[in-house]
C-alpha atoms as a PDB file:
ATOM      1  CA  MET A   1       0.000   0.000   0.000  1.00  0.00           C
ATOM      2  CA  THR A   2       2.962   2.386   0.558  1.00  0.00           C
ATOM      3  CA  ASP A   3       3.511   2.855  -3.191  1.00  0.00           C
ATOM      4  CA  GLN A   4      -0.219   3.305  -3.722  1.00  0.00           C
ATOM      5  CA  VAL A   5      -0.402   5.968  -1.001  1.00  0.00           C
ATOM      6  CA  THR A   6       2.545   7.798  -2.545  1.00  0.00           C
ATOM      7  CA  LYS A   7       0.895   7.719  -5.971  1.00  0.00           C
ATOM      8  CA  ALA A   8      -2.373   8.984  -4.481  1.00  0.00           C
ATOM      9  CA  LYS A   9      -0.633  11.936  -2.862  1.00  0.00           C
ATOM     10  CA  THR A  10       1.315  12.687  -6.037  1.00  0.00           C
ATOM     11  CA  PHE A  11      -1.881  12.594  -8.088  1.00  0.00           C
ATOM     12  CA  LYS A  12      -3.691  14.989  -5.765  1.00  0.00           C
ATOM     13  CA  ASP A  13      -0.776  17.424  -5.936  1.00  0.00           C
ATOM     14  CA  LEU A  14      -1.098  17.517  -9.725  1.00  0.00           C
ATOM     15  CA  HIS A  15      -4.463  19.311  -9.452  1.00  0.00           C
ATOM     16  CA  VAL A  16      -3.289  22.914  -9.576  1.00  0.00           C
ATOM     17  CA  PRO A  17      -5.721  25.642 -10.711  1.00  0.00           C
ATOM     18  CA  GLY A  18      -4.116  27.363 -13.680  1.00  0.00           C
ATOM     19  CA  ARG A  19      -1.712  24.477 -14.282  1.00  0.00           C
ATOM     20  CA  PRO A  20      -4.121  21.614 -15.023  1.00  0.00           C
ATOM     21  CA  ILE A  21      -3.242  17.962 -15.199  1.00  0.00           C
ATOM     22  CA  ILE A  22      -4.272  16.638 -18.605  1.00  0.00           C
ATOM     23  CA  LEU A  23      -5.731  13.138 -18.739  1.00  0.00           C
ATOM     24  CA  PHE A  24      -5.893  11.474 -22.147  1.00  0.00           C
ATOM     25  CA  ASN A  25      -8.272   8.705 -21.137  1.00  0.00           C
ATOM     26  CA  ALA A  26      -7.383   5.048 -21.680  1.00  0.00           C
ATOM     27  CA  TRP A  27      -9.602   1.975 -21.768  1.00  0.00           C
ATOM     28  CA  ASP A  28      -7.373  -1.098 -21.359  1.00  0.00           C
ATOM     29  CA  ALA A  29      -3.793  -2.114 -20.583  1.00  0.00           C
ATOM     30  CA  GLY A  30      -2.584  -1.504 -24.138  1.00  0.00           C
ATOM     31  CA  SER A  31      -3.998   2.014 -24.363  1.00  0.00           C
ATOM     32  CA  ALA A  32      -2.682   2.767 -20.859  1.00  0.00           C
ATOM     33  CA  LYS A  33       0.830   1.821 -22.003  1.00  0.00           C
ATOM     34  CA  ALA A  34       0.496   4.058 -25.051  1.00  0.00           C
ATOM     35  CA  VAL A  35      -0.656   7.002 -22.925  1.00  0.00           C
ATOM     36  CA  ALA A  36       2.175   6.398 -20.437  1.00  0.00           C
ATOM     37  CA  ALA A  37       4.719   6.341 -23.280  1.00  0.00           C
ATOM     38  CA  SER A  38       3.580   9.837 -24.302  1.00  0.00           C
ATOM     39  CA  GLY A  39       4.965  11.307 -21.103  1.00  0.00           C
ATOM     40  CA  ALA A  40       1.635  11.538 -19.281  1.00  0.00           C
ATOM     41  CA  LYS A  41       1.742  12.042 -15.518  1.00  0.00           C
ATOM     42  CA  ALA A  42      -1.212   9.750 -14.790  1.00  0.00           C
ATOM     43  CA  VAL A  43      -3.627   7.357 -16.457  1.00  0.00           C
ATOM     44  CA  ALA A  44      -7.384   7.773 -16.269  1.00  0.00           C
ATOM     45  CA  THR A  45     -10.036   5.440 -17.582  1.00  0.00           C
ATOM     46  CA  GLY A  46     -13.268   6.626 -19.160  1.00  0.00           C
ATOM     47  CA  SER A  47     -16.339   4.489 -18.549  1.00  0.00           C
ATOM     48  CA  TRP A  48     -17.773   5.008 -22.042  1.00  0.00           C
ATOM     49  CA  SER A  49     -14.543   3.857 -23.669  1.00  0.00           C
ATOM     50  CA  VAL A  50     -14.023   0.917 -21.310  1.00  0.00           C
ATOM     51  CA  ALA A  51     -17.567  -0.284 -21.898  1.00  0.00           C
ATOM     52  CA  ALA A  52     -17.336   0.116 -25.682  1.00  0.00           C
ATOM     53  CA  ALA A  53     -13.996  -1.709 -25.828  1.00  0.00           C
ATOM     54  CA  HIS A  54     -15.621  -4.673 -24.071  1.00  0.00           C
ATOM     55  CA  GLY A  55     -18.803  -4.682 -26.141  1.00  0.00           C
ATOM     56  CA  PHE A  56     -21.141  -2.922 -23.699  1.00  0.00           C
ATOM     57  CA  ASP A  57     -23.119   0.303 -23.607  1.00  0.00           C
ATOM     58  CA  ASP A  58     -22.156   2.936 -21.065  1.00  0.00           C
ATOM     59  CA  GLY A  59     -24.274   3.279 -17.936  1.00  0.00           C
ATOM     60  CA  GLU A  60     -23.053   0.405 -15.726  1.00  0.00           C
ATOM     61  CA  HIS A  61     -24.031  -2.215 -18.311  1.00  0.00           C
ATOM     62  CA  MET A  62     -20.516  -3.620 -18.119  1.00  0.00           C
ATOM     63  CA  PRO A  63     -20.335  -6.212 -15.307  1.00  0.00           C
ATOM     64  CA  PHE A  64     -18.560  -4.751 -12.303  1.00  0.00           C
ATOM     65  CA  ASP A  65     -16.237  -7.737 -11.893  1.00  0.00           C
ATOM     66  CA  LEU A  66     -15.070  -7.248 -15.477  1.00  0.00           C
ATOM     67  CA  ALA A  67     -14.530  -3.527 -14.857  1.00  0.00           C
ATOM     68  CA  ILE A  68     -12.372  -4.335 -11.828  1.00  0.00           C
ATOM     69  CA  ALA A  69     -10.412  -6.994 -13.730  1.00  0.00           C
ATOM     70  CA  ASN A  70      -9.734  -4.435 -16.463  1.00  0.00           C
ATOM     71  CA  LEU A  71      -8.584  -1.933 -13.823  1.00  0.00           C
ATOM     72  CA  GLU A  72      -6.201  -4.495 -12.344  1.00  0.00           C
ATOM     73  CA  ARG A  73      -4.618  -5.097 -15.753  1.00  0.00           C
ATOM     74  CA  ILE A  74      -4.190  -1.358 -16.325  1.00  0.00           C
ATOM     75  CA  VAL A  75      -2.578  -0.853 -12.912  1.00  0.00           C
ATOM     76  CA  ALA A  76      -0.191  -3.741 -13.611  1.00  0.00           C
ATOM     77  CA  ALA A  77       0.718  -2.321 -17.028  1.00  0.00           C
ATOM     78  CA  THR A  78       1.984   1.088 -15.880  1.00  0.00           C
ATOM     79  CA  HIS A  79       4.031   2.709 -13.134  1.00  0.00           C
ATOM     80  CA  LEU A  80       1.797   5.795 -13.271  1.00  0.00           C
ATOM     81  CA  PRO A  81      -1.040   6.642 -10.878  1.00  0.00           C
ATOM     82  CA  VAL A  82      -4.330   5.229 -12.189  1.00  0.00           C
ATOM     83  CA  THR A  83      -7.703   6.850 -11.583  1.00  0.00           C
ATOM     84  CA  VAL A  84     -10.848   4.987 -12.568  1.00  0.00           C
ATOM     85  CA  ASP A  85     -14.240   6.131 -13.804  1.00  0.00           C
ATOM     86  CA  LEU A  86     -16.810   4.230 -11.742  1.00  0.00           C
ATOM     87  CA  GLU A  87     -19.887   5.880 -13.262  1.00  0.00           C
ATOM     88  CA  SER A  88     -22.588   6.208 -10.580  1.00  0.00           C
ATOM     89  CA  GLY A  89     -20.752   3.949  -8.160  1.00  0.00           C
ATOM     90  CA  TYR A  90     -22.404   0.644  -9.082  1.00  0.00           C
ATOM     91  CA  GLY A  91     -24.724   1.035  -6.103  1.00  0.00           C
ATOM     92  CA  ALA A  92     -27.712   3.064  -4.953  1.00  0.00           C
ATOM     93  CA  ASP A  93     -26.836   3.617  -1.295  1.00  0.00           C
ATOM     94  CA  PRO A  94     -23.670   4.699   0.555  1.00  0.00           C
ATOM     95  CA  GLU A  95     -22.843   1.149   1.672  1.00  0.00           C
ATOM     96  CA  ALA A  96     -23.003  -0.239  -1.868  1.00  0.00           C
ATOM     97  CA  VAL A  97     -20.948   2.631  -3.266  1.00  0.00           C
ATOM     98  CA  GLY A  98     -18.438   2.131  -0.467  1.00  0.00           C
ATOM     99  CA  ALA A  99     -18.105  -1.526  -1.410  1.00  0.00           C
ATOM    100  CA  THR A 100     -17.441  -0.471  -5.009  1.00  0.00           C
ATOM    101  CA  ILE A 101     -14.695   1.933  -3.973  1.00  0.00           C
ATOM    102  CA  GLY A 102     -13.153  -0.662  -1.677  1.00  0.00           C
ATOM    103  CA  ARG A 103     -12.809  -3.057  -4.610  1.00  0.00           C
ATOM    104  CA  ALA A 104     -11.287  -0.329  -6.790  1.00  0.00           C
ATOM    105  CA  VAL A 105      -8.731   0.665  -4.154  1.00  0.00           C
ATOM    106  CA  GLN A 106      -7.798  -2.966  -3.612  1.00  0.00           C
ATOM    107  CA  ALA A 107      -7.277  -3.238  -7.376  1.00  0.00           C
ATOM    108  CA  GLY A 108      -4.764  -0.386  -7.207  1.00  0.00           C
ATOM    109  CA  ALA A 109      -6.762   2.757  -8.032  1.00  0.00           C
ATOM    110  CA  ILE A 110      -5.562   6.003  -6.470  1.00  0.00           C
ATOM    111  CA  GLY A 111      -8.556   8.046  -7.614  1.00  0.00           C
ATOM    112  CA  TYR A 112     -12.069   7.609  -8.922  1.00  0.00           C
ATOM    113  CA  ASN A 113     -14.998   9.445 -10.494  1.00  0.00           C
ATOM    114  CA  ILE A 114     -18.507   9.160  -9.084  1.00  0.00           C
ATOM    115  CA  GLU A 115     -21.323  10.888 -10.987  1.00  0.00           C
ATOM    116  CA  ASP A 116     -24.654  12.183  -9.741  1.00  0.00           C
ATOM    117  CA  GLY A 117     -26.518  11.268 -12.901  1.00  0.00           C
ATOM    118  CA  PHE A 118     -28.439   8.011 -13.123  1.00  0.00           C
ATOM    119  CA  ARG A 119     -30.827   6.552 -15.625  1.00  0.00           C
ATOM    120  CA  GLU A 120     -31.319   8.864 -18.608  1.00  0.00           C
ATOM    121  CA  ALA A 121     -31.332  12.615 -17.986  1.00  0.00           C
ATOM    122  CA  THR A 122     -31.928  12.209 -14.233  1.00  0.00           C
ATOM    123  CA  LEU A 123     -29.970  13.667 -11.327  1.00  0.00           C
ATOM    124  CA  ARG A 124     -29.845  12.314  -7.803  1.00  0.00           C
ATOM    125  CA  GLU A 125     -30.940  14.621  -5.014  1.00  0.00           C
ATOM    126  CA  VAL A 126     -28.019  16.606  -3.609  1.00  0.00           C
ATOM    127  CA  SER A 127     -28.363  15.081  -0.126  1.00  0.00           C
ATOM    128  CA  ASP A 128     -28.527  11.539  -1.521  1.00  0.00           C
ATOM    129  CA  GLN A 129     -25.438  12.055  -3.637  1.00  0.00           C
ATOM    130  CA  ALA A 130     -23.550  13.662  -0.761  1.00  0.00           C
ATOM    131  CA  ALA A 131     -24.281  10.609   1.389  1.00  0.00           C
ATOM    132  CA  ARG A 132     -23.056   8.308  -1.362  1.00  0.00           C
ATOM    133  CA  LEU A 133     -19.831  10.322  -1.676  1.00  0.00           C
ATOM    134  CA  LYS A 134     -19.290  10.082   2.082  1.00  0.00           C
ATOM    135  CA  GLY A 135     -19.660   6.321   1.803  1.00  0.00           C
ATOM    136  CA  ALA A 136     -17.102   6.253  -1.009  1.00  0.00           C
ATOM    137  CA  LYS A 137     -14.604   8.379   0.903  1.00  0.00           C
ATOM    138  CA  ALA A 138     -14.955   6.329   4.079  1.00  0.00           C
ATOM    139  CA  ALA A 139     -14.298   3.110   2.164  1.00  0.00           C
ATOM    140  CA  ALA A 140     -11.012   4.394   0.720  1.00  0.00           C
ATOM    141  CA  ASP A 141      -9.990   5.719   4.127  1.00  0.00           C
ATOM    142  CA  ARG A 142     -10.502   2.287   5.665  1.00  0.00           C
ATOM    143  CA  PHE A 143      -7.742   1.008   3.374  1.00  0.00           C
ATOM    144  CA  GLY A 144      -5.482   3.895   4.314  1.00  0.00           C
ATOM    145  CA  VAL A 145      -5.373   5.261   0.767  1.00  0.00           C
ATOM    146  CA  PRO A 146      -6.111   8.983   0.245  1.00  0.00           C
ATOM    147  CA  ALA A 147      -7.739   8.243  -3.108  1.00  0.00           C
ATOM    148  CA  PHE A 148      -8.835  11.316  -5.067  1.00  0.00           C
ATOM    149  CA  LEU A 149     -12.632  11.532  -5.163  1.00  0.00           C
ATOM    150  CA  ASN A 150     -13.607  13.390  -8.319  1.00  0.00           C
ATOM    151  CA  ALA A 151     -17.262  14.266  -7.823  1.00  0.00           C
ATOM    152  CA  ARG A 152     -18.947  14.582 -11.190  1.00  0.00           C
ATOM    153  CA  THR A 153     -22.156  16.480 -11.728  1.00  0.00           C
ATOM    154  CA  ASP A 154     -24.231  15.913 -14.845  1.00  0.00           C
ATOM    155  CA  VAL A 155     -26.122  19.189 -14.403  1.00  0.00           C
ATOM    156  CA  PHE A 156     -24.699  20.576 -17.647  1.00  0.00           C
ATOM    157  CA  LEU A 157     -24.288  17.294 -19.512  1.00  0.00           C
ATOM    158  CA  ILE A 158     -28.015  16.470 -19.567  1.00  0.00           C
ATOM    159  CA  ALA A 159     -29.102  20.005 -20.507  1.00  0.00           C
ATOM    160  CA  SER A 160     -28.841  21.981 -23.732  1.00  0.00           C
ATOM    161  CA  ALA A 161     -26.194  24.693 -23.925  1.00  0.00           C
ATOM    162  CA  ASP A 162     -28.789  27.479 -23.853  1.00  0.00           C
ATOM    163  CA  GLN A 163     -29.836  26.309 -20.379  1.00  0.00           C
ATOM    164  CA  HIS A 164     -26.346  26.221 -18.875  1.00  0.00           C
ATOM    165  CA  GLU A 165     -26.286  29.775 -17.543  1.00  0.00           C
ATOM    166  CA  SER A 166     -29.463  29.205 -15.540  1.00  0.00           C
ATOM    167  CA  LEU A 167     -27.970  25.996 -14.082  1.00  0.00           C
ATOM    168  CA  ALA A 168     -24.677  27.434 -12.833  1.00  0.00           C
ATOM    169  CA  ALA A 169     -26.027  28.234  -9.364  1.00  0.00           C
ATOM    170  CA  ALA A 170     -27.401  24.698  -8.975  1.00  0.00           C
ATOM    171  CA  ALA A 171     -24.057  23.261 -10.038  1.00  0.00           C
ATOM    172  CA  LEU A 172     -22.218  25.341  -7.460  1.00  0.00           C
ATOM    173  CA  GLU A 173     -24.657  24.230  -4.778  1.00  0.00           C
ATOM    174  CA  ARG A 174     -23.645  20.682  -5.609  1.00  0.00           C
ATOM    175  CA  ALA A 175     -19.956  21.625  -5.547  1.00  0.00           C
ATOM    176  CA  ARG A 176     -20.315  22.930  -2.005  1.00  0.00           C
ATOM    177  CA  ALA A 177     -22.287  19.898  -0.829  1.00  0.00           C
ATOM    178  CA  TYR A 178     -19.832  17.487  -2.437  1.00  0.00           C
ATOM    179  CA  ALA A 179     -16.883  19.312  -0.882  1.00  0.00           C
ATOM    180  CA  ASP A 180     -18.552  18.993   2.521  1.00  0.00           C
ATOM    181  CA  ALA A 181     -18.965  15.265   1.823  1.00  0.00           C
ATOM    182  CA  GLY A 182     -15.205  14.887   1.343  1.00  0.00           C
ATOM    183  CA  ALA A 183     -14.774  15.197  -2.438  1.00  0.00           C
ATOM    184  CA  ASP A 184     -11.388  16.327  -3.740  1.00  0.00           C
ATOM    185  CA  GLY A 185     -12.415  17.581  -7.178  1.00  0.00           C
ATOM    186  CA  PHE A 186     -15.498  18.804  -9.060  1.00  0.00           C
ATOM    187  CA  PHE A 187     -16.070  17.472 -12.592  1.00  0.00           C
ATOM    188  CA  VAL A 188     -18.476  19.358 -14.869  1.00  0.00           C
ATOM    189  CA  PRO A 189     -18.665  17.547 -18.236  1.00  0.00           C
ATOM    190  CA  GLY A 190     -20.715  19.306 -20.875  1.00  0.00           C
ATOM    191  CA  LEU A 191     -19.693  22.802 -19.799  1.00  0.00           C
ATOM    192  CA  ALA A 192     -17.904  24.627 -22.622  1.00  0.00           C
ATOM    193  CA  ASP A 193     -18.719  28.342 -22.356  1.00  0.00           C
ATOM    194  CA  GLU A 194     -15.666  30.312 -21.190  1.00  0.00           C
ATOM    195  CA  ARG A 195     -17.638  32.740 -19.072  1.00  0.00           C
ATOM    196  CA  LEU A 196     -19.506  29.968 -17.273  1.00  0.00           C
ATOM    197  CA  ILE A 197     -16.343  27.926 -16.777  1.00  0.00           C
ATOM    198  CA  ALA A 198     -14.768  30.968 -15.129  1.00  0.00           C
ATOM    199  CA  ARG A 199     -17.858  31.386 -12.937  1.00  0.00           C
ATOM    200  CA  VAL A 200     -17.783  27.756 -11.808  1.00  0.00           C
ATOM    201  CA  VAL A 201     -14.045  27.868 -11.157  1.00  0.00           C
ATOM    202  CA  GLU A 202     -14.435  31.013  -9.061  1.00  0.00           C
ATOM    203  CA  GLY A 203     -17.395  29.686  -7.074  1.00  0.00           C
ATOM    204  CA  SER A 204     -16.310  26.094  -6.530  1.00  0.00           C
ATOM    205  CA  PRO A 205     -14.555  25.171  -3.278  1.00  0.00           C
ATOM    206  CA  LEU A 206     -12.974  22.262  -5.178  1.00  0.00           C
ATOM    207  CA  PRO A 207     -10.510  22.196  -8.098  1.00  0.00           C
ATOM    208  CA  VAL A 208     -12.515  22.047 -11.326  1.00  0.00           C
ATOM    209  CA  ASN A 209     -12.293  19.350 -14.010  1.00  0.00           C
ATOM    210  CA  ILE A 210     -13.442  20.136 -17.578  1.00  0.00           C
ATOM    211  CA  MET A 211     -13.968  17.561 -20.317  1.00  0.00           C
ATOM    212  CA  ALA A 212     -12.247  18.538 -23.552  1.00  0.00           C
ATOM    213  CA  GLY A 213     -14.383  18.490 -26.664  1.00  0.00           C
ATOM    214  CA  ALA A 214     -15.007  20.212 -29.966  1.00  0.00           C
ATOM    215  CA  ARG A 215     -16.695  23.200 -28.271  1.00  0.00           C
ATOM    216  CA  THR A 216     -14.422  23.640 -25.257  1.00  0.00           C
ATOM    217  CA  PRO A 217     -11.623  26.225 -25.132  1.00  0.00           C
ATOM    218  CA  SER A 218      -8.051  25.100 -25.708  1.00  0.00           C
ATOM    219  CA  ALA A 219      -6.029  23.613 -22.865  1.00  0.00           C
ATOM    220  CA  ALA A 220      -4.043  26.841 -22.645  1.00  0.00           C
ATOM    221  CA  ARG A 221      -7.225  28.896 -22.311  1.00  0.00           C
ATOM    222  CA  LEU A 222      -8.670  26.519 -19.731  1.00  0.00           C
ATOM    223  CA  ALA A 223      -5.484  26.974 -17.730  1.00  0.00           C
ATOM    224  CA  GLU A 224      -5.947  30.751 -17.901  1.00  0.00           C
ATOM    225  CA  LEU A 225      -9.491  30.293 -16.588  1.00  0.00           C
ATOM    226  CA  GLY A 226      -8.154  28.447 -13.538  1.00  0.00           C
ATOM    227  CA  VAL A 227      -9.132  24.893 -14.443  1.00  0.00           C
ATOM    228  CA  ALA A 228      -7.167  22.244 -12.512  1.00  0.00           C
ATOM    229  CA  ARG A 229      -7.878  19.123 -14.571  1.00  0.00           C
ATOM    230  CA  ILE A 230      -8.712  18.429 -18.212  1.00  0.00           C
ATOM    231  CA  SER A 231     -10.134  15.046 -19.225  1.00  0.00           C
ATOM    232  CA  HIS A 232     -10.601  13.775 -22.758  1.00  0.00           C
ATOM    233  CA  GLY A 233     -13.323  11.245 -21.985  1.00  0.00           C
ATOM    234  CA  PRO A 234     -14.347   9.077 -24.944  1.00  0.00           C
ATOM    235  CA  GLY A 235     -12.425  11.179 -27.470  1.00  0.00           C
ATOM    236  CA  PRO A 236      -9.236   9.088 -27.540  1.00  0.00           C
ATOM    237  CA  TYR A 237     -11.156   5.833 -28.004  1.00  0.00           C
ATOM    238  CA  ARG A 238     -13.225   7.255 -30.832  1.00  0.00           C
ATOM    239  CA  MET A 239     -10.073   8.639 -32.466  1.00  0.00           C
ATOM    240  CA  ALA A 240      -8.283   5.287 -32.200  1.00  0.00           C
ATOM    241  CA  MET A 241     -11.232   3.309 -33.541  1.00  0.00           C
ATOM    242  CA  LYS A 242     -11.654   5.730 -36.455  1.00  0.00           C
ATOM    243  CA  ALA A 243      -7.967   5.323 -37.344  1.00  0.00           C
ATOM    244  CA  LEU A 244      -8.314   1.538 -37.139  1.00  0.00           C
ATOM    245  CA  GLU A 245     -11.431   1.555 -39.311  1.00  0.00           C
ATOM    246  CA  ASP A 246      -9.785   3.790 -41.896  1.00  0.00           C
ATOM    247  CA  ALA A 247      -6.658   1.588 -41.990  1.00  0.00           C
ATOM    248  CA  ALA A 248      -8.750  -1.563 -42.336  1.00  0.00           C
ATOM    249  CA  ARG A 249     -10.815  -0.011 -45.111  1.00  0.00           C
ATOM    250  CA  ALA A 250      -7.648   0.994 -46.994  1.00  0.00           C
ATOM    251  CA  ALA A 251      -6.187  -2.494 -46.567  1.00  0.00           C
ATOM    252  CA  LEU A 252      -9.334  -4.125 -47.926  1.00  0.00           C
ATOM    253  CA  LEU A 253      -9.556  -2.049 -51.110  1.00  0.00           C
END
């Protein structure tokens, strides 16, 4: 556990507002090795990519035991800290979520994402999600690993861009509640407007994580806005599969 604790502390220290850690998300041991070879400082999985690579839809359709086995292979394949996307925690209540986090920490994870979205376009109540995050944090603490809890809100992800400004206050309410529950970071996928990103960064008690996409500002601009973490989500998987498809098509002509 000593090495795992060291990696966890190193990973947390990489979350610096204005000097964000960039995570080019992997999905299996092979992609983790490729990301590590690039000079990355950490490896992060993305649930959409992991599920797709194993033939499942996103949304906890991938069996949890298979997700943990995949995590174990990634951890074994790299010397870098590994943070895992655990979707909604594979459990409805704090005890079940805690059991999920315990398995992930035992598999070698030094960080994890837990989202407040469940089913389609539905958000958990703030108090319910805060309790689930407390359960997650307590589980990691029982193993003596200060694993980085990246609390994701789907407030912006499930809404159209023209609604985002009216949702900023609700998102910040969740940031404060999740910080009180022990979260270490606040992940706001779907948010791309510079002005709103700056507002969330300023109002959040936690370092802010933005998901890179076609509409988001550049990494340099996100750094200027005070973002502490940039994730690429399913983008790398889609890019790799498109390159593979194109190469296969050219070979078959």
